[in-house]
Amino acid sequence: MAARLALLLVVTATILIQAEQQQGNSECAKWCKDNFPRGHRCDCIRLAARAAGPCFECGPPAWATGHPEKKLCGGVCIDTSAGNANCGACGTTCSADQTCTAGVCVDNPPNPPHCIDPFVLCGNICVDTGADNGNCGTCGQTCSAD
């Protein structure tokens, strides 16, 4: 009896997995048709039948698994969460003084000054901790009045 129940569970699970894959493949077939010209469409659909290719990288199956950061840009799946050339969307370019962070162009912090010994960087300025009473031996340490 237990063996029959186990067999029934395996068969049911197999049927459910196949049905889910078929739905994913029909979604991918439509997505490939909508996003690729005739010559490349067949390759996209063929790969999707094996749960691979652009549809599974940046199409409906990727969206369903919580990976919407990849988008189809010029026929290629691109991670738009980090690349400066496609930041947040295809073709959105960050300027030279910005970096793409989580799909948003963010201003780069200013470069801190380079300090030459005996000066050290305290905050954004170079100080001589051997002669500065407000940075006595280390940044932020005040010298005693003795």
N, C-alpha and C. Protein backbone atom coordinates (compact mmCIF):
# COMPACT_ATOMS: atom_id res chain seq x y z
N MET A 1 0.82 -1.20 0.00
CA MET A 1 0.00 0.00 0.00
C MET A 1 0.87 1.27 0.00
N ALA A 2 1.93 1.27 0.82
CA ALA A 2 2.82 2.43 0.89
C ALA A 2 3.54 2.62 -0.43
N ALA A 3 3.91 1.53 -1.10
CA ALA A 3 4.60 1.62 -2.38
C ALA A 3 3.69 2.24 -3.44
N ARG A 4 2.41 1.88 -3.42
CA ARG A 4 1.45 2.46 -4.38
C ARG A 4 1.26 3.95 -4.13
N LEU A 5 1.19 4.32 -2.86
CA LEU A 5 1.03 5.73 -2.51
C LEU A 5 2.25 6.53 -2.97
N ALA A 6 3.45 5.98 -2.75
CA ALA A 6 4.67 6.65 -3.19
C ALA A 6 4.70 6.79 -4.70
N LEU A 7 4.30 5.75 -5.41
CA LEU A 7 4.25 5.79 -6.88
C LEU A 7 3.25 6.84 -7.34
N LEU A 8 2.10 6.92 -6.70
CA LEU A 8 1.08 7.91 -7.05
C LEU A 8 1.63 9.33 -6.84
N LEU A 9 2.34 9.56 -5.75
CA LEU A 9 2.93 10.88 -5.50
C LEU A 9 3.97 11.24 -6.55
N VAL A 10 4.79 10.29 -6.96
CA VAL A 10 5.81 10.54 -7.98
C VAL A 10 5.15 10.88 -9.31
N VAL A 11 4.14 10.13 -9.70
CA VAL A 11 3.45 10.37 -10.96
C VAL A 11 2.77 11.74 -10.94
N THR A 12 2.12 12.08 -9.84
CA THR A 12 1.45 13.38 -9.72
C THR A 12 2.47 14.52 -9.81
N ALA A 13 3.58 14.39 -9.11
CA ALA A 13 4.61 15.43 -9.16
C ALA A 13 5.16 15.58 -10.57
N THR A 14 5.38 14.48 -11.26
CA THR A 14 5.90 14.52 -12.63
C THR A 14 4.92 15.25 -13.56
N ILE A 15 3.65 14.95 -13.43
CA ILE A 15 2.62 15.59 -14.26
C ILE A 15 2.58 17.09 -13.99
N LEU A 16 2.64 17.49 -12.72
CA LEU A 16 2.60 18.91 -12.37
C LEU A 16 3.83 19.64 -12.92
N ILE A 17 5.00 19.04 -12.82
CA ILE A 17 6.23 19.65 -13.33
C ILE A 17 6.14 19.82 -14.84
N GLN A 18 5.66 18.77 -15.54
CA GLN A 18 5.54 18.86 -17.00
C GLN A 18 4.55 19.94 -17.40
N ALA A 19 3.44 20.06 -16.68
CA ALA A 19 2.44 21.09 -17.00
C ALA A 19 3.03 22.48 -16.79
N GLU A 20 3.80 22.65 -15.72
CA GLU A 20 4.44 23.94 -15.45
C GLU A 20 5.45 24.28 -16.55
N GLN A 21 6.23 23.31 -16.98
CA GLN A 21 7.21 23.54 -18.04
C GLN A 21 6.51 23.88 -19.35
N GLN A 22 5.40 23.21 -19.64
CA GLN A 22 4.68 23.50 -20.88
C GLN A 22 4.14 24.92 -20.87
N GLN A 23 3.61 25.36 -19.71
CA GLN A 23 3.11 26.73 -19.62
C GLN A 23 4.27 27.70 -19.81
N GLY A 24 5.43 27.41 -19.17
CA GLY A 24 6.60 28.25 -19.34
C GLY A 24 7.05 28.29 -20.79
N ASN A 25 6.99 27.14 -21.47
CA ASN A 25 7.40 27.09 -22.87
C ASN A 25 6.45 27.87 -23.77
N SER A 26 5.15 27.83 -23.49
CA SER A 26 4.22 28.60 -24.32
C SER A 26 4.40 30.09 -24.06
N GLU A 27 4.67 30.47 -22.80
CA GLU A 27 4.97 31.87 -22.50
C GLU A 27 6.24 32.30 -23.24
N CYS A 28 7.24 31.41 -23.23
CA CYS A 28 8.51 31.73 -23.90
C CYS A 28 8.33 31.80 -25.41
N ALA A 29 7.52 30.93 -25.97
CA ALA A 29 7.30 30.96 -27.42
C ALA A 29 6.71 32.31 -27.83
N LYS A 30 5.74 32.79 -27.05
CA LYS A 30 5.14 34.10 -27.33
C LYS A 30 6.17 35.21 -27.11
N TRP A 31 6.93 35.13 -26.02
CA TRP A 31 7.93 36.15 -25.72
C TRP A 31 9.00 36.20 -26.81
N CYS A 32 9.46 35.03 -27.25
CA CYS A 32 10.47 34.97 -28.31
C CYS A 32 9.92 35.58 -29.60
N LYS A 33 8.67 35.25 -29.91
CA LYS A 33 8.03 35.80 -31.12
C LYS A 33 7.95 37.32 -31.05
N ASP A 34 7.62 37.85 -29.86
CA ASP A 34 7.47 39.29 -29.69
C ASP A 34 8.80 40.04 -29.67
N ASN A 35 9.90 39.35 -29.34
CA ASN A 35 11.17 40.04 -29.10
C ASN A 35 12.29 39.73 -30.08
N PHE A 36 12.11 38.75 -30.96
CA PHE A 36 13.18 38.38 -31.89
C PHE A 36 12.66 38.34 -33.31
N PRO A 37 13.50 38.76 -34.27
CA PRO A 37 13.11 38.65 -35.68
C PRO A 37 13.06 37.17 -36.07
N ARG A 38 12.40 36.89 -37.17
CA ARG A 38 12.15 35.52 -37.62
C ARG A 38 13.40 34.62 -37.57
N GLY A 39 14.54 35.08 -38.02
CA GLY A 39 15.74 34.24 -38.07
C GLY A 39 16.24 33.80 -36.70
N HIS A 40 16.07 34.63 -35.68
CA HIS A 40 16.57 34.31 -34.33
C HIS A 40 15.48 33.76 -33.43
N ARG A 41 14.25 33.91 -33.84
CA ARG A 41 13.11 33.47 -33.04
C ARG A 41 13.16 31.97 -32.79
N CYS A 42 13.48 31.19 -33.82
CA CYS A 42 13.51 29.73 -33.69
C CYS A 42 14.56 29.29 -32.68
N ASP A 43 15.74 29.94 -32.69
CA ASP A 43 16.78 29.61 -31.71
C ASP A 43 16.29 29.88 -30.30
N CYS A 44 15.63 31.00 -30.11
CA CYS A 44 15.10 31.36 -28.80
C CYS A 44 14.09 30.32 -28.32
N ILE A 45 13.17 29.92 -29.19
CA ILE A 45 12.15 28.93 -28.83
C ILE A 45 12.78 27.57 -28.57
N ARG A 46 13.76 27.19 -29.40
CA ARG A 46 14.45 25.90 -29.22
C ARG A 46 15.14 25.84 -27.86
N LEU A 47 15.82 26.91 -27.49
CA LEU A 47 16.49 26.96 -26.20
C LEU A 47 15.48 26.94 -25.05
N ALA A 48 14.38 27.65 -25.23
CA ALA A 48 13.35 27.70 -24.19
C ALA A 48 12.76 26.32 -23.93
N ALA A 49 12.67 25.49 -24.96
CA ALA A 49 12.14 24.14 -24.78
C ALA A 49 13.04 23.31 -23.85
N ARG A 50 14.30 23.75 -23.71
CA ARG A 50 15.24 23.08 -22.80
C ARG A 50 15.45 23.89 -21.52
N ALA A 51 14.52 24.81 -21.24
CA ALA A 51 14.59 25.67 -20.05
C ALA A 51 15.90 26.45 -20.01
N ALA A 52 16.28 27.02 -21.16
CA ALA A 52 17.52 27.79 -21.26
C ALA A 52 17.31 28.96 -22.21
N GLY A 53 18.36 29.74 -22.40
CA GLY A 53 18.32 30.82 -23.37
C GLY A 53 17.76 32.11 -22.83
N PRO A 54 17.59 33.08 -23.73
CA PRO A 54 17.21 34.43 -23.30
C PRO A 54 15.87 34.50 -22.57
N CYS A 55 14.91 33.68 -22.96
CA CYS A 55 13.62 33.73 -22.27
C CYS A 55 13.77 33.39 -20.79
N PHE A 56 14.59 32.40 -20.50
CA PHE A 56 14.79 32.00 -19.10
C PHE A 56 15.77 32.92 -18.38
N GLU A 57 16.58 33.67 -19.12
CA GLU A 57 17.51 34.61 -18.50
C GLU A 57 16.85 35.95 -18.18
N CYS A 58 16.01 36.44 -19.11
CA CYS A 58 15.44 37.77 -18.89
C CYS A 58 13.99 37.90 -19.34
N GLY A 59 13.32 36.79 -19.55
CA GLY A 59 11.91 36.81 -19.95
C GLY A 59 11.00 36.43 -18.79
N PRO A 60 9.77 36.00 -19.09
CA PRO A 60 8.78 35.70 -18.04
C PRO A 60 9.24 34.75 -16.94
N PRO A 61 9.97 33.65 -17.25
CA PRO A 61 10.41 32.79 -16.15
C PRO A 61 11.37 33.51 -15.19
N ALA A 62 12.22 34.39 -15.71
CA ALA A 62 13.14 35.15 -14.85
C ALA A 62 12.35 36.13 -13.98
N TRP A 63 11.32 36.75 -14.53
CA TRP A 63 10.51 37.69 -13.76
C TRP A 63 9.81 36.95 -12.63
N ALA A 64 9.31 35.75 -12.92
CA ALA A 64 8.57 34.97 -11.93
C ALA A 64 9.45 34.52 -10.78
N THR A 65 10.75 34.36 -11.03
CA THR A 65 11.66 33.91 -9.97
C THR A 65 12.33 35.07 -9.26
N GLY A 66 11.88 36.28 -9.51
CA GLY A 66 12.39 37.44 -8.80
C GLY A 66 13.69 37.99 -9.33
N HIS A 67 13.95 37.86 -10.63
CA HIS A 67 15.16 38.41 -11.23
C HIS A 67 14.82 39.38 -12.36
N PRO A 68 14.10 40.47 -12.03
CA PRO A 68 13.70 41.42 -13.08
C PRO A 68 14.82 42.36 -13.50
N GLU A 69 16.00 42.28 -12.86
CA GLU A 69 17.09 43.20 -13.20
C GLU A 69 17.70 42.92 -14.57
N LYS A 70 17.49 41.70 -15.08
CA LYS A 70 17.98 41.40 -16.43
C LYS A 70 16.92 41.78 -17.44
N LYS A 71 17.36 42.52 -18.45
CA LYS A 71 16.43 42.96 -19.51
C LYS A 71 17.04 42.64 -20.86
N LEU A 72 16.18 42.45 -21.85
CA LEU A 72 16.62 42.19 -23.21
C LEU A 72 16.98 43.51 -23.87
N CYS A 73 18.27 43.72 -24.11
CA CYS A 73 18.77 44.96 -24.74
C CYS A 73 19.47 44.57 -26.03
N GLY A 74 18.88 44.93 -27.16
CA GLY A 74 19.50 44.62 -28.45
C GLY A 74 19.69 43.13 -28.69
N GLY A 75 18.77 42.32 -28.21
CA GLY A 75 18.84 40.87 -28.43
C GLY A 75 19.70 40.12 -27.44
N VAL A 76 20.21 40.83 -26.41
CA VAL A 76 21.08 40.20 -25.41
C VAL A 76 20.53 40.52 -24.02
N CYS A 77 20.55 39.53 -23.13
CA CYS A 77 20.11 39.77 -21.75
C CYS A 77 21.22 40.50 -21.00
N ILE A 78 20.86 41.65 -20.43
CA ILE A 78 21.81 42.51 -19.74
C ILE A 78 21.33 42.74 -18.30
N ASP A 79 22.24 42.66 -17.34
CA ASP A 79 21.93 42.99 -15.96
C ASP A 79 21.92 44.51 -15.85
N THR A 80 20.72 45.09 -15.74
CA THR A 80 20.59 46.54 -15.71
C THR A 80 20.71 47.11 -14.30
N SER A 81 21.06 46.28 -13.33
CA SER A 81 21.19 46.78 -11.96
C SER A 81 22.58 47.35 -11.68
N ALA A 82 23.57 47.05 -12.57
CA ALA A 82 24.93 47.47 -12.24
C ALA A 82 25.73 48.07 -13.41
N GLY A 83 25.34 47.86 -14.63
CA GLY A 83 26.15 48.35 -15.75
C GLY A 83 25.90 49.80 -16.07
N ASN A 84 26.96 50.59 -16.22
CA ASN A 84 26.81 52.02 -16.50
C ASN A 84 26.20 52.30 -17.88
N ALA A 85 26.28 51.37 -18.82
CA ALA A 85 25.75 51.59 -20.16
C ALA A 85 24.24 51.32 -20.25
N ASN A 86 23.71 50.50 -19.35
CA ASN A 86 22.28 50.15 -19.33
C ASN A 86 21.83 50.14 -17.87
N CYS A 87 21.73 51.29 -17.27
CA CYS A 87 21.44 51.40 -15.84
C CYS A 87 19.94 51.53 -15.58
N GLY A 88 19.34 50.45 -15.10
CA GLY A 88 17.91 50.45 -14.80
C GLY A 88 17.06 50.15 -16.01
N ALA A 89 17.54 50.47 -17.19
CA ALA A 89 16.82 50.22 -18.44
C ALA A 89 17.82 50.20 -19.59
N CYS A 90 17.42 49.58 -20.67
CA CYS A 90 18.28 49.52 -21.86
C CYS A 90 18.56 50.94 -22.36
N GLY A 91 19.84 51.24 -22.59
CA GLY A 91 20.23 52.52 -23.15
C GLY A 91 20.34 53.67 -22.17
N THR A 92 19.99 53.47 -20.90
CA THR A 92 20.15 54.52 -19.89
C THR A 92 21.60 54.51 -19.44
N THR A 93 22.34 55.58 -19.79
CA THR A 93 23.77 55.63 -19.53
C THR A 93 24.08 56.58 -18.38
N CYS A 94 24.92 56.12 -17.45
CA CYS A 94 25.38 56.98 -16.36
C CYS A 94 26.51 57.86 -16.88
N SER A 95 26.61 59.07 -16.35
CA SER A 95 27.70 59.97 -16.75
C SER A 95 29.02 59.48 -16.17
N ALA A 96 30.12 60.08 -16.61
CA ALA A 96 31.45 59.65 -16.18
C ALA A 96 31.67 59.80 -14.68
N ASP A 97 30.95 60.72 -14.03
CA ASP A 97 31.12 60.91 -12.59
C ASP A 97 30.04 60.20 -11.78
N GLN A 98 29.41 59.18 -12.41
CA GLN A 98 28.38 58.39 -11.73
C GLN A 98 28.66 56.90 -11.88
N THR A 99 28.05 56.12 -10.98
CA THR A 99 28.14 54.66 -11.03
C THR A 99 26.72 54.11 -10.90
N CYS A 100 26.42 53.07 -11.67
CA CYS A 100 25.11 52.43 -11.59
C CYS A 100 25.06 51.55 -10.34
N THR A 101 24.13 51.85 -9.45
CA THR A 101 23.96 51.10 -8.21
C THR A 101 22.50 50.74 -8.07
N ALA A 102 22.20 49.44 -8.08
CA ALA A 102 20.83 48.94 -7.97
C ALA A 102 19.92 49.56 -9.03
N GLY A 103 20.46 49.76 -10.24
CA GLY A 103 19.67 50.27 -11.35
C GLY A 103 19.46 51.77 -11.36
N VAL A 104 20.23 52.51 -10.55
CA VAL A 104 20.11 53.97 -10.47
C VAL A 104 21.50 54.58 -10.61
N CYS A 105 21.62 55.63 -11.43
CA CYS A 105 22.89 56.34 -11.56
C CYS A 105 23.10 57.19 -10.31
N VAL A 106 24.19 56.91 -9.61
CA VAL A 106 24.50 57.59 -8.35
C VAL A 106 25.82 58.34 -8.52
N ASP A 107 25.87 59.59 -8.03
CA ASP A 107 27.10 60.38 -8.10
C ASP A 107 28.21 59.68 -7.33
N ASN A 108 29.39 59.63 -7.93
CA ASN A 108 30.56 59.08 -7.25
C ASN A 108 30.99 60.04 -6.15
N PRO A 109 31.48 59.49 -5.02
CA PRO A 109 31.98 60.40 -3.97
C PRO A 109 33.24 61.08 -4.47
N PRO A 110 33.51 62.30 -3.98
CA PRO A 110 34.73 62.98 -4.41
C PRO A 110 35.96 62.20 -3.93
N ASN A 111 37.01 62.25 -4.72
CA ASN A 111 38.24 61.59 -4.32
C ASN A 111 38.87 62.35 -3.16
N PRO A 112 39.20 61.64 -2.07
CA PRO A 112 39.84 62.34 -0.96
C PRO A 112 41.25 62.77 -1.36
N PRO A 113 41.75 63.80 -0.72
CA PRO A 113 43.11 64.23 -1.06
C PRO A 113 44.12 63.15 -0.68
N HIS A 114 45.23 63.15 -1.38
CA HIS A 114 46.33 62.24 -1.07
C HIS A 114 47.29 62.99 -0.16
N CYS A 115 47.52 62.46 1.03
CA CYS A 115 48.37 63.14 2.01
C CYS A 115 49.79 62.59 1.94
N ILE A 116 50.74 63.50 2.10
CA ILE A 116 52.16 63.15 2.09
C ILE A 116 52.67 63.20 3.53
N ASP A 117 53.41 62.17 3.92
CA ASP A 117 53.97 62.05 5.27
C ASP A 117 54.70 63.33 5.67
N PRO A 118 54.47 63.88 6.82
CA PRO A 118 53.85 63.33 8.03
C PRO A 118 52.35 63.58 8.13
N PHE A 119 51.74 64.12 7.09
CA PHE A 119 50.30 64.40 7.12
C PHE A 119 49.50 63.12 6.90
N VAL A 120 48.32 63.06 7.56
CA VAL A 120 47.39 61.94 7.40
C VAL A 120 46.01 62.51 7.10
N LEU A 121 45.18 61.70 6.49
CA LEU A 121 43.83 62.14 6.14
C LEU A 121 42.91 62.01 7.35
N CYS A 122 42.36 63.13 7.78
CA CYS A 122 41.36 63.17 8.85
C CYS A 122 40.10 63.77 8.23
N GLY A 123 39.10 62.93 8.03
CA GLY A 123 37.91 63.38 7.31
C GLY A 123 38.29 63.59 5.86
N ASN A 124 38.20 64.83 5.39
CA ASN A 124 38.58 65.14 4.01
C ASN A 124 39.75 66.10 3.92
N ILE A 125 40.50 66.24 5.02
CA ILE A 125 41.65 67.15 4.98
C ILE A 125 42.91 66.45 5.50
N CYS A 126 44.05 66.92 5.04
CA CYS A 126 45.33 66.37 5.49
C CYS A 126 45.79 67.17 6.71
N VAL A 127 46.16 66.48 7.79
CA VAL A 127 46.64 67.15 8.99
C VAL A 127 47.92 66.47 9.49
N ASP A 128 48.73 67.23 10.19
CA ASP A 128 49.93 66.69 10.83
C ASP A 128 49.53 66.37 12.27
N THR A 129 49.32 65.10 12.56
CA THR A 129 48.85 64.71 13.90
C THR A 129 49.92 64.91 14.97
N GLY A 130 51.14 65.22 14.55
CA GLY A 130 52.19 65.52 15.52
C GLY A 130 52.19 66.99 15.91
N ALA A 131 51.47 67.83 15.20
CA ALA A 131 51.49 69.26 15.48
C ALA A 131 50.10 69.87 15.61
N ASP A 132 49.04 69.12 15.31
CA ASP A 132 47.66 69.64 15.33
C ASP A 132 47.02 69.27 16.67
N ASN A 133 46.69 70.28 17.52
CA ASN A 133 46.11 70.02 18.84
C ASN A 133 44.73 69.37 18.77
N GLY A 134 44.02 69.56 17.66
CA GLY A 134 42.70 68.95 17.51
C GLY A 134 42.77 67.53 16.99
N ASN A 135 43.93 67.11 16.55
CA ASN A 135 44.16 65.74 16.06
C ASN A 135 45.52 65.28 16.60
N CYS A 136 45.57 65.10 17.88
CA CYS A 136 46.81 64.87 18.61
C CYS A 136 47.22 63.40 18.56
N GLY A 137 48.12 63.05 17.64
CA GLY A 137 48.59 61.67 17.49
C GLY A 137 47.69 60.83 16.61
N THR A 138 46.42 61.16 16.56
CA THR A 138 45.44 60.46 15.72
C THR A 138 44.29 61.41 15.42
N CYS A 139 43.53 61.09 14.43
CA CYS A 139 42.39 61.94 14.04
C CYS A 139 41.36 62.00 15.16
N GLY A 140 40.92 63.24 15.45
CA GLY A 140 39.86 63.44 16.41
C GLY A 140 40.29 63.43 17.88
N GLN A 141 41.54 63.11 18.15
CA GLN A 141 42.05 63.10 19.54
C GLN A 141 42.55 64.50 19.90
N THR A 142 41.99 65.11 20.93
CA THR A 142 42.39 66.45 21.37
C THR A 142 43.55 66.34 22.35
N CYS A 143 44.54 67.21 22.18
CA CYS A 143 45.68 67.22 23.11
C CYS A 143 45.27 67.88 24.42
N SER A 144 45.84 67.38 25.50
CA SER A 144 45.56 68.02 26.80
C SER A 144 46.26 69.36 26.88
N ALA A 145 45.80 70.24 27.75
CA ALA A 145 46.33 71.59 27.85
C ALA A 145 47.63 71.66 28.65
N ASP A 146 48.15 70.57 29.22
CA ASP A 146 49.37 70.63 30.05
C ASP A 146 50.50 71.15 29.29
